[in-house]
Amino acid sequence: MPDTVDTAAALLAAAAQQGPGDTLRIVLLVSIVGGALLAWFLLRGYRTDDSGDAGTGEGAVGGSDGGVGGNTDRDASA
């Protein structure tokens, strides 16, 4: 009977020492989701609004005159 107890104790000890399995899965999942959100956030700044509607873009201030001074150049500082 003591042989069975020793075997059970060894199996329980081995099962408790499986390493960082769950932690590693969580870290990988958070890294992938974070990378996707970072890519989305950075790439949305390069989006161009080619719909032709002058009043719906982020940079649209006034009507069809383009805002202050009538400047219609989107990349005036570039």
PDB file of N, CA and C in Angstrom:
ATOM      1  N   MET A   1       0.798  -1.211   0.000  1.00  0.00           N
ATOM      2  CA  MET A   1       0.000   0.000   0.000  1.00  0.00           C
ATOM      3  C   MET A   1       0.842   1.278   0.000  1.00  0.00           C
ATOM      4  N   PRO A   2       1.968   1.327   0.680  1.00  0.00           N
ATOM      5  CA  PRO A   2       2.771   2.543   0.669  1.00  0.00           C
ATOM      6  C   PRO A   2       3.289   2.876  -0.726  1.00  0.00           C
ATOM      7  N   ASP A   3       3.444   1.843  -1.561  1.00  0.00           N
ATOM      8  CA  ASP A   3       3.909   2.087  -2.916  1.00  0.00           C
ATOM      9  C   ASP A   3       2.892   2.917  -3.704  1.00  0.00           C
ATOM     10  N   THR A   4       1.607   2.683  -3.508  1.00  0.00           N
ATOM     11  CA  THR A   4       0.546   3.435  -4.174  1.00  0.00           C
ATOM     12  C   THR A   4       0.510   4.883  -3.684  1.00  0.00           C
ATOM     13  N   VAL A   5       0.739   5.084  -2.407  1.00  0.00           N
ATOM     14  CA  VAL A   5       0.744   6.434  -1.841  1.00  0.00           C
ATOM     15  C   VAL A   5       1.919   7.230  -2.410  1.00  0.00           C
ATOM     16  N   ASP A   6       3.067   6.616  -2.515  1.00  0.00           N
ATOM     17  CA  ASP A   6       4.231   7.308  -3.072  1.00  0.00           C
ATOM     18  C   ASP A   6       4.019   7.656  -4.550  1.00  0.00           C
ATOM     19  N   THR A   7       3.417   6.748  -5.292  1.00  0.00           N
ATOM     20  CA  THR A   7       3.133   7.005  -6.704  1.00  0.00           C
ATOM     21  C   THR A   7       2.130   8.141  -6.865  1.00  0.00           C
ATOM     22  N   ALA A   8       1.088   8.131  -6.042  1.00  0.00           N
ATOM     23  CA  ALA A   8       0.087   9.199  -6.104  1.00  0.00           C
ATOM     24  C   ALA A   8       0.702  10.545  -5.738  1.00  0.00           C
ATOM     25  N   ALA A   9       1.570  10.558  -4.743  1.00  0.00           N
ATOM     26  CA  ALA A   9       2.235  11.801  -4.340  1.00  0.00           C
ATOM     27  C   ALA A   9       3.141  12.319  -5.458  1.00  0.00           C
ATOM     28  N   ALA A  10       3.828  11.395  -6.130  1.00  0.00           N
ATOM     29  CA  ALA A  10       4.701  11.804  -7.236  1.00  0.00           C
ATOM     30  C   ALA A  10       3.884  12.359  -8.404  1.00  0.00           C
ATOM     31  N   LEU A  11       2.742  11.742  -8.694  1.00  0.00           N
ATOM     32  CA  LEU A  11       1.886  12.236  -9.786  1.00  0.00           C
ATOM     33  C   LEU A  11       1.293  13.599  -9.456  1.00  0.00           C
ATOM     34  N   LEU A  12       0.876  13.799  -8.215  1.00  0.00           N
ATOM     35  CA  LEU A  12       0.337  15.099  -7.814  1.00  0.00           C
ATOM     36  C   LEU A  12       1.406  16.188  -7.865  1.00  0.00           C
ATOM     37  N   ALA A  13       2.626  15.846  -7.468  1.00  0.00           N
ATOM     38  CA  ALA A  13       3.715  16.819  -7.516  1.00  0.00           C
ATOM     39  C   ALA A  13       4.048  17.176  -8.963  1.00  0.00           C
ATOM     40  N   ALA A  14       4.013  16.188  -9.847  1.00  0.00           N
ATOM     41  CA  ALA A  14       4.307  16.450 -11.261  1.00  0.00           C
ATOM     42  C   ALA A  14       3.205  17.288 -11.897  1.00  0.00           C
ATOM     43  N   ALA A  15       1.960  17.080 -11.490  1.00  0.00           N
ATOM     44  CA  ALA A  15       0.854  17.842 -12.054  1.00  0.00           C
ATOM     45  C   ALA A  15       0.890  19.290 -11.595  1.00  0.00           C
ATOM     46  N   ALA A  16       1.424  19.540 -10.416  1.00  0.00           N
ATOM     47  CA  ALA A  16       1.487  20.906  -9.896  1.00  0.00           C
ATOM     48  C   ALA A  16       2.610  21.704 -10.540  1.00  0.00           C
ATOM     49  N   GLN A  17       3.571  21.040 -11.150  1.00  0.00           N
ATOM     50  CA  GLN A  17       4.729  21.730 -11.726  1.00  0.00           C
ATOM     51  C   GLN A  17       4.669  21.734 -13.242  1.00  0.00           C
ATOM     52  N   GLN A  18       3.596  22.245 -13.818  1.00  0.00           N
ATOM     53  CA  GLN A  18       3.472  22.240 -15.272  1.00  0.00           C
ATOM     54  C   GLN A  18       4.004  23.507 -15.918  1.00  0.00           C
ATOM     55  N   GLY A  19       4.477  24.433 -15.155  1.00  0.00           N
ATOM     56  CA  GLY A  19       5.096  25.615 -15.722  1.00  0.00           C
ATOM     57  C   GLY A  19       4.095  26.735 -15.974  1.00  0.00           C
ATOM     58  N   PRO A  20       4.532  27.719 -16.726  1.00  0.00           N
ATOM     59  CA  PRO A  20       3.728  28.936 -16.928  1.00  0.00           C
ATOM     60  C   PRO A  20       2.733  28.816 -18.082  1.00  0.00           C
ATOM     61  N   GLY A  21       2.004  27.721 -18.165  1.00  0.00           N
ATOM     62  CA  GLY A  21       1.108  27.490 -19.295  1.00  0.00           C
ATOM     63  C   GLY A  21       0.004  28.522 -19.411  1.00  0.00           C
ATOM     64  N   ASP A  22      -0.783  28.700 -18.352  1.00  0.00           N
ATOM     65  CA  ASP A  22      -1.901  29.646 -18.400  1.00  0.00           C
ATOM     66  C   ASP A  22      -1.401  31.088 -18.499  1.00  0.00           C
ATOM     67  N   THR A  23      -0.366  31.399 -17.741  1.00  0.00           N
ATOM     68  CA  THR A  23       0.177  32.761 -17.774  1.00  0.00           C
ATOM     69  C   THR A  23       0.718  33.095 -19.154  1.00  0.00           C
ATOM     70  N   LEU A  24       1.401  32.166 -19.762  1.00  0.00           N
ATOM     71  CA  LEU A  24       1.951  32.401 -21.103  1.00  0.00           C
ATOM     72  C   LEU A  24       0.837  32.576 -22.132  1.00  0.00           C
ATOM     73  N   ARG A  25      -0.220  31.800 -22.016  1.00  0.00           N
ATOM     74  CA  ARG A  25      -1.354  31.954 -22.929  1.00  0.00           C
ATOM     75  C   ARG A  25      -1.985  33.333 -22.787  1.00  0.00           C
ATOM     76  N   ILE A  26      -2.150  33.795 -21.555  1.00  0.00           N
ATOM     77  CA  ILE A  26      -2.757  35.109 -21.323  1.00  0.00           C
ATOM     78  C   ILE A  26      -1.865  36.212 -21.870  1.00  0.00           C
ATOM     79  N   VAL A  27      -0.562  36.113 -21.629  1.00  0.00           N
ATOM     80  CA  VAL A  27       0.372  37.129 -22.129  1.00  0.00           C
ATOM     81  C   VAL A  27       0.360  37.168 -23.649  1.00  0.00           C
ATOM     82  N   LEU A  28       0.353  36.011 -24.297  1.00  0.00           N
ATOM     83  CA  LEU A  28       0.325  35.976 -25.760  1.00  0.00           C
ATOM     84  C   LEU A  28      -0.974  36.552 -26.313  1.00  0.00           C
ATOM     85  N   LEU A  29      -2.097  36.218 -25.694  1.00  0.00           N
ATOM     86  CA  LEU A  29      -3.379  36.724 -26.150  1.00  0.00           C
ATOM     87  C   LEU A  29      -3.468  38.244 -26.001  1.00  0.00           C
ATOM     88  N   VAL A  30      -3.027  38.755 -24.857  1.00  0.00           N
ATOM     89  CA  VAL A  30      -3.050  40.200 -24.634  1.00  0.00           C
ATOM     90  C   VAL A  30      -2.101  40.905 -25.604  1.00  0.00           C
ATOM     91  N   SER A  31      -0.958  40.305 -25.894  1.00  0.00           N
ATOM     92  CA  SER A  31      -0.006  40.900 -26.834  1.00  0.00           C
ATOM     93  C   SER A  31      -0.588  40.973 -28.241  1.00  0.00           C
ATOM     94  N   ILE A  32      -1.252  39.915 -28.666  1.00  0.00           N
ATOM     95  CA  ILE A  32      -1.840  39.908 -30.006  1.00  0.00           C
ATOM     96  C   ILE A  32      -2.963  40.929 -30.115  1.00  0.00           C
ATOM     97  N   VAL A  33      -3.835  40.964 -29.114  1.00  0.00           N
ATOM     98  CA  VAL A  33      -4.938  41.934 -29.136  1.00  0.00           C
ATOM     99  C   VAL A  33      -4.394  43.356 -29.047  1.00  0.00           C
ATOM    100  N   GLY A  34      -3.394  43.571 -28.213  1.00  0.00           N
ATOM    101  CA  GLY A  34      -2.787  44.904 -28.105  1.00  0.00           C
ATOM    102  C   GLY A  34      -2.107  45.336 -29.395  1.00  0.00           C
ATOM    103  N   GLY A  35      -1.429  44.404 -30.051  1.00  0.00           N
ATOM    104  CA  GLY A  35      -0.799  44.736 -31.337  1.00  0.00           C
ATOM    105  C   GLY A  35      -1.819  45.085 -32.402  1.00  0.00           C
ATOM    106  N   ALA A  36      -2.937  44.366 -32.415  1.00  0.00           N
ATOM    107  CA  ALA A  36      -3.995  44.676 -33.384  1.00  0.00           C
ATOM    108  C   ALA A  36      -4.607  46.041 -33.103  1.00  0.00           C
ATOM    109  N   LEU A  37      -4.849  46.352 -31.843  1.00  0.00           N
ATOM    110  CA  LEU A  37      -5.407  47.669 -31.504  1.00  0.00           C
ATOM    111  C   LEU A  37      -4.419  48.789 -31.797  1.00  0.00           C
ATOM    112  N   LEU A  38      -3.136  48.557 -31.544  1.00  0.00           N
ATOM    113  CA  LEU A  38      -2.125  49.565 -31.856  1.00  0.00           C
ATOM    114  C   LEU A  38      -2.038  49.795 -33.361  1.00  0.00           C
ATOM    115  N   ALA A  39      -2.075  48.732 -34.147  1.00  0.00           N
ATOM    116  CA  ALA A  39      -2.044  48.878 -35.606  1.00  0.00           C
ATOM    117  C   ALA A  39      -3.271  49.630 -36.095  1.00  0.00           C
ATOM    118  N   TRP A  40      -4.444  49.309 -35.544  1.00  0.00           N
ATOM    119  CA  TRP A  40      -5.664  50.021 -35.942  1.00  0.00           C
ATOM    120  C   TRP A  40      -5.561  51.501 -35.599  1.00  0.00           C
ATOM    121  N   PHE A  41      -5.077  51.809 -34.405  1.00  0.00           N
ATOM    122  CA  PHE A  41      -4.976  53.207 -33.985  1.00  0.00           C
ATOM    123  C   PHE A  41      -3.990  53.990 -34.843  1.00  0.00           C
ATOM    124  N   LEU A  42      -2.849  53.383 -35.160  1.00  0.00           N
ATOM    125  CA  LEU A  42      -1.861  54.082 -35.970  1.00  0.00           C
ATOM    126  C   LEU A  42      -2.291  54.211 -37.425  1.00  0.00           C
ATOM    127  N   LEU A  43      -2.926  53.176 -37.964  1.00  0.00           N
ATOM    128  CA  LEU A  43      -3.308  53.212 -39.374  1.00  0.00           C
ATOM    129  C   LEU A  43      -4.518  54.106 -39.641  1.00  0.00           C
ATOM    130  N   ARG A  44      -5.349  54.341 -38.646  1.00  0.00           N
ATOM    131  CA  ARG A  44      -6.512  55.193 -38.889  1.00  0.00           C
ATOM    132  C   ARG A  44      -6.106  56.649 -39.104  1.00  0.00           C
ATOM    133  N   GLY A  45      -4.907  57.012 -38.690  1.00  0.00           N
ATOM    134  CA  GLY A  45      -4.415  58.362 -38.944  1.00  0.00           C
ATOM    135  C   GLY A  45      -4.029  58.582 -40.395  1.00  0.00           C
ATOM    136  N   TYR A  46      -3.765  57.515 -41.125  1.00  0.00           N
ATOM    137  CA  TYR A  46      -3.397  57.620 -42.537  1.00  0.00           C
ATOM    138  C   TYR A  46      -4.591  57.484 -43.464  1.00  0.00           C
ATOM    139  N   ARG A  47      -5.776  57.335 -42.897  1.00  0.00           N
ATOM    140  CA  ARG A  47      -6.979  57.168 -43.703  1.00  0.00           C
ATOM    141  C   ARG A  47      -7.304  58.476 -44.409  1.00  0.00           C
ATOM    142  N   THR A  48      -7.713  58.391 -45.673  1.00  0.00           N
ATOM    143  CA  THR A  48      -8.143  59.571 -46.418  1.00  0.00           C
ATOM    144  C   THR A  48      -9.632  59.463 -46.676  1.00  0.00           C
ATOM    145  N   ASP A  49     -10.287  60.594 -46.619  1.00  0.00           N
ATOM    146  CA  ASP A  49     -11.733  60.632 -46.842  1.00  0.00           C
ATOM    147  C   ASP A  49     -11.972  61.082 -48.277  1.00  0.00           C
ATOM    148  N   ASP A  50     -12.162  60.128 -49.176  1.00  0.00           N
ATOM    149  CA  ASP A  50     -12.357  60.429 -50.588  1.00  0.00           C
ATOM    150  C   ASP A  50     -13.823  60.400 -50.986  1.00  0.00           C
ATOM    151  N   SER A  51     -14.721  60.590 -50.031  1.00  0.00           N
ATOM    152  CA  SER A  51     -16.137  60.493 -50.353  1.00  0.00           C
ATOM    153  C   SER A  51     -16.649  61.724 -51.087  1.00  0.00           C
ATOM    154  N   GLY A  52     -15.911  62.836 -51.040  1.00  0.00           N
ATOM    155  CA  GLY A  52     -16.331  64.033 -51.750  1.00  0.00           C
ATOM    156  C   GLY A  52     -17.260  64.917 -50.952  1.00  0.00           C
ATOM    157  N   ASP A  53     -17.656  64.516 -49.769  1.00  0.00           N
ATOM    158  CA  ASP A  53     -18.533  65.312 -48.920  1.00  0.00           C
ATOM    159  C   ASP A  53     -17.668  66.222 -48.062  1.00  0.00           C
ATOM    160  N   ALA A  54     -17.717  67.526 -48.299  1.00  0.00           N
ATOM    161  CA  ALA A  54     -16.826  68.465 -47.629  1.00  0.00           C
ATOM    162  C   ALA A  54     -17.201  68.690 -46.173  1.00  0.00           C
ATOM    163  N   GLY A  55     -18.401  68.371 -45.758  1.00  0.00           N
ATOM    164  CA  GLY A  55     -18.816  68.681 -44.405  1.00  0.00           C
ATOM    165  C   GLY A  55     -18.721  67.537 -43.425  1.00  0.00           C
ATOM    166  N   THR A  56     -18.175  66.378 -43.810  1.00  0.00           N
ATOM    167  CA  THR A  56     -18.176  65.246 -42.895  1.00  0.00           C
ATOM    168  C   THR A  56     -16.801  64.806 -42.447  1.00  0.00           C
ATOM    169  N   GLY A  57     -15.730  65.331 -42.991  1.00  0.00           N
ATOM    170  CA  GLY A  57     -14.401  64.892 -42.596  1.00  0.00           C
ATOM    171  C   GLY A  57     -13.996  65.464 -41.254  1.00  0.00           C
ATOM    172  N   GLU A  58     -12.912  64.934 -40.673  1.00  0.00           N
ATOM    173  CA  GLU A  58     -12.439  65.431 -39.392  1.00  0.00           C
ATOM    174  C   GLU A  58     -11.896  66.843 -39.509  1.00  0.00           C
ATOM    175  N   GLY A  59     -11.301  67.167 -40.637  1.00  0.00           N
ATOM    176  CA  GLY A  59     -10.705  68.475 -40.805  1.00  0.00           C
ATOM    177  C   GLY A  59     -11.652  69.499 -41.399  1.00  0.00           C
ATOM    178  N   ALA A  60     -12.891  69.153 -41.635  1.00  0.00           N
ATOM    179  CA  ALA A  60     -13.838  70.075 -42.239  1.00  0.00           C
ATOM    180  C   ALA A  60     -14.293  71.088 -41.201  1.00  0.00           C
ATOM    181  N   VAL A  61     -14.053  72.370 -41.490  1.00  0.00           N
ATOM    182  CA  VAL A  61     -14.416  73.428 -40.543  1.00  0.00           C
ATOM    183  C   VAL A  61     -15.620  74.183 -41.052  1.00  0.00           C
ATOM    184  N   GLY A  62     -15.513  74.708 -42.225  1.00  0.00           N
ATOM    185  CA  GLY A  62     -16.591  75.513 -42.774  1.00  0.00           C
ATOM    186  C   GLY A  62     -17.318  74.790 -43.878  1.00  0.00           C
ATOM    187  N   GLY A  63     -17.843  75.556 -44.812  1.00  0.00           N
ATOM    188  CA  GLY A  63     -18.564  74.976 -45.938  1.00  0.00           C
ATOM    189  C   GLY A  63     -17.612  74.530 -47.018  1.00  0.00           C
ATOM    190  N   SER A  64     -17.892  74.947 -48.253  1.00  0.00           N
ATOM    191  CA  SER A  64     -17.080  74.511 -49.376  1.00  0.00           C
ATOM    192  C   SER A  64     -15.839  75.372 -49.567  1.00  0.00           C
ATOM    193  N   ASP A  65     -15.674  76.447 -48.762  1.00  0.00           N
ATOM    194  CA  ASP A  65     -14.496  77.295 -48.932  1.00  0.00           C
ATOM    195  C   ASP A  65     -13.260  76.702 -48.279  1.00  0.00           C
ATOM    196  N   GLY A  66     -13.387  75.628 -47.503  1.00  0.00           N
ATOM    197  CA  GLY A  66     -12.228  74.958 -46.949  1.00  0.00           C
ATOM    198  C   GLY A  66     -11.804  75.464 -45.594  1.00  0.00           C
ATOM    199  N   GLY A  67     -12.539  76.319 -44.977  1.00  0.00           N
ATOM    200  CA  GLY A  67     -12.199  76.775 -43.631  1.00  0.00           C
ATOM    201  C   GLY A  67     -11.610  78.170 -43.657  1.00  0.00           C
ATOM    202  N   VAL A  68     -10.691  78.424 -42.781  1.00  0.00           N
ATOM    203  CA  VAL A  68     -10.104  79.750 -42.601  1.00  0.00           C
ATOM    204  C   VAL A  68      -9.236  80.089 -43.804  1.00  0.00           C
ATOM    205  N   GLY A  69      -9.477  81.228 -44.422  1.00  0.00           N
ATOM    206  CA  GLY A  69      -8.659  81.700 -45.526  1.00  0.00           C
ATOM    207  C   GLY A  69      -8.910  80.995 -46.838  1.00  0.00           C
ATOM    208  N   GLY A  70      -9.862  80.089 -46.902  1.00  0.00           N
ATOM    209  CA  GLY A  70     -10.158  79.403 -48.141  1.00  0.00           C
ATOM    210  C   GLY A  70      -9.097  78.402 -48.560  1.00  0.00           C
ATOM    211  N   ASN A  71      -8.262  77.973 -47.645  1.00  0.00           N
ATOM    212  CA  ASN A  71      -7.205  77.026 -47.962  1.00  0.00           C
ATOM    213  C   ASN A  71      -7.809  75.632 -48.091  1.00  0.00           C
ATOM    214  N   THR A  72      -7.762  75.064 -49.289  1.00  0.00           N
ATOM    215  CA  THR A  72      -8.326  73.726 -49.522  1.00  0.00           C
ATOM    216  C   THR A  72      -7.248  72.658 -49.545  1.00  0.00           C
ATOM    217  N   ASP A  73      -6.000  73.033 -49.327  1.00  0.00           N
ATOM    218  CA  ASP A  73      -4.902  72.077 -49.320  1.00  0.00           C
ATOM    219  C   ASP A  73      -4.934  71.273 -48.031  1.00  0.00           C
ATOM    220  N   ARG A  74      -5.038  69.940 -48.147  1.00  0.00           N
ATOM    221  CA  ARG A  74      -5.079  69.106 -46.932  1.00  0.00           C
ATOM    222  C   ARG A  74      -3.706  69.016 -46.295  1.00  0.00           C
ATOM    223  N   ASP A  75      -2.658  68.946 -47.083  1.00  0.00           N
ATOM    224  CA  ASP A  75      -1.299  68.800 -46.571  1.00  0.00           C
ATOM    225  C   ASP A  75      -0.504  70.070 -46.807  1.00  0.00           C
ATOM    226  N   ALA A  76      -0.986  71.170 -46.280  1.00  0.00           N
ATOM    227  CA  ALA A  76      -0.331  72.441 -46.496  1.00  0.00           C
ATOM    228  C   ALA A  76       1.013  72.499 -45.792  1.00  0.00           C
ATOM    229  N   SER A  77       1.195  71.795 -44.686  1.00  0.00           N
ATOM    230  CA  SER A  77       2.446  71.857 -43.958  1.00  0.00           C
ATOM    231  C   SER A  77       3.463  70.818 -44.434  1.00  0.00           C
ATOM    232  N   ALA A  78       3.053  69.915 -45.304  1.00  0.00           N
ATOM    233  CA  ALA A  78       3.966  68.859 -45.749  1.00  0.00           C
ATOM    234  C   ALA A  78       4.846  69.313 -46.890  1.00  0.00           C
TER     235      ALA A  78
END
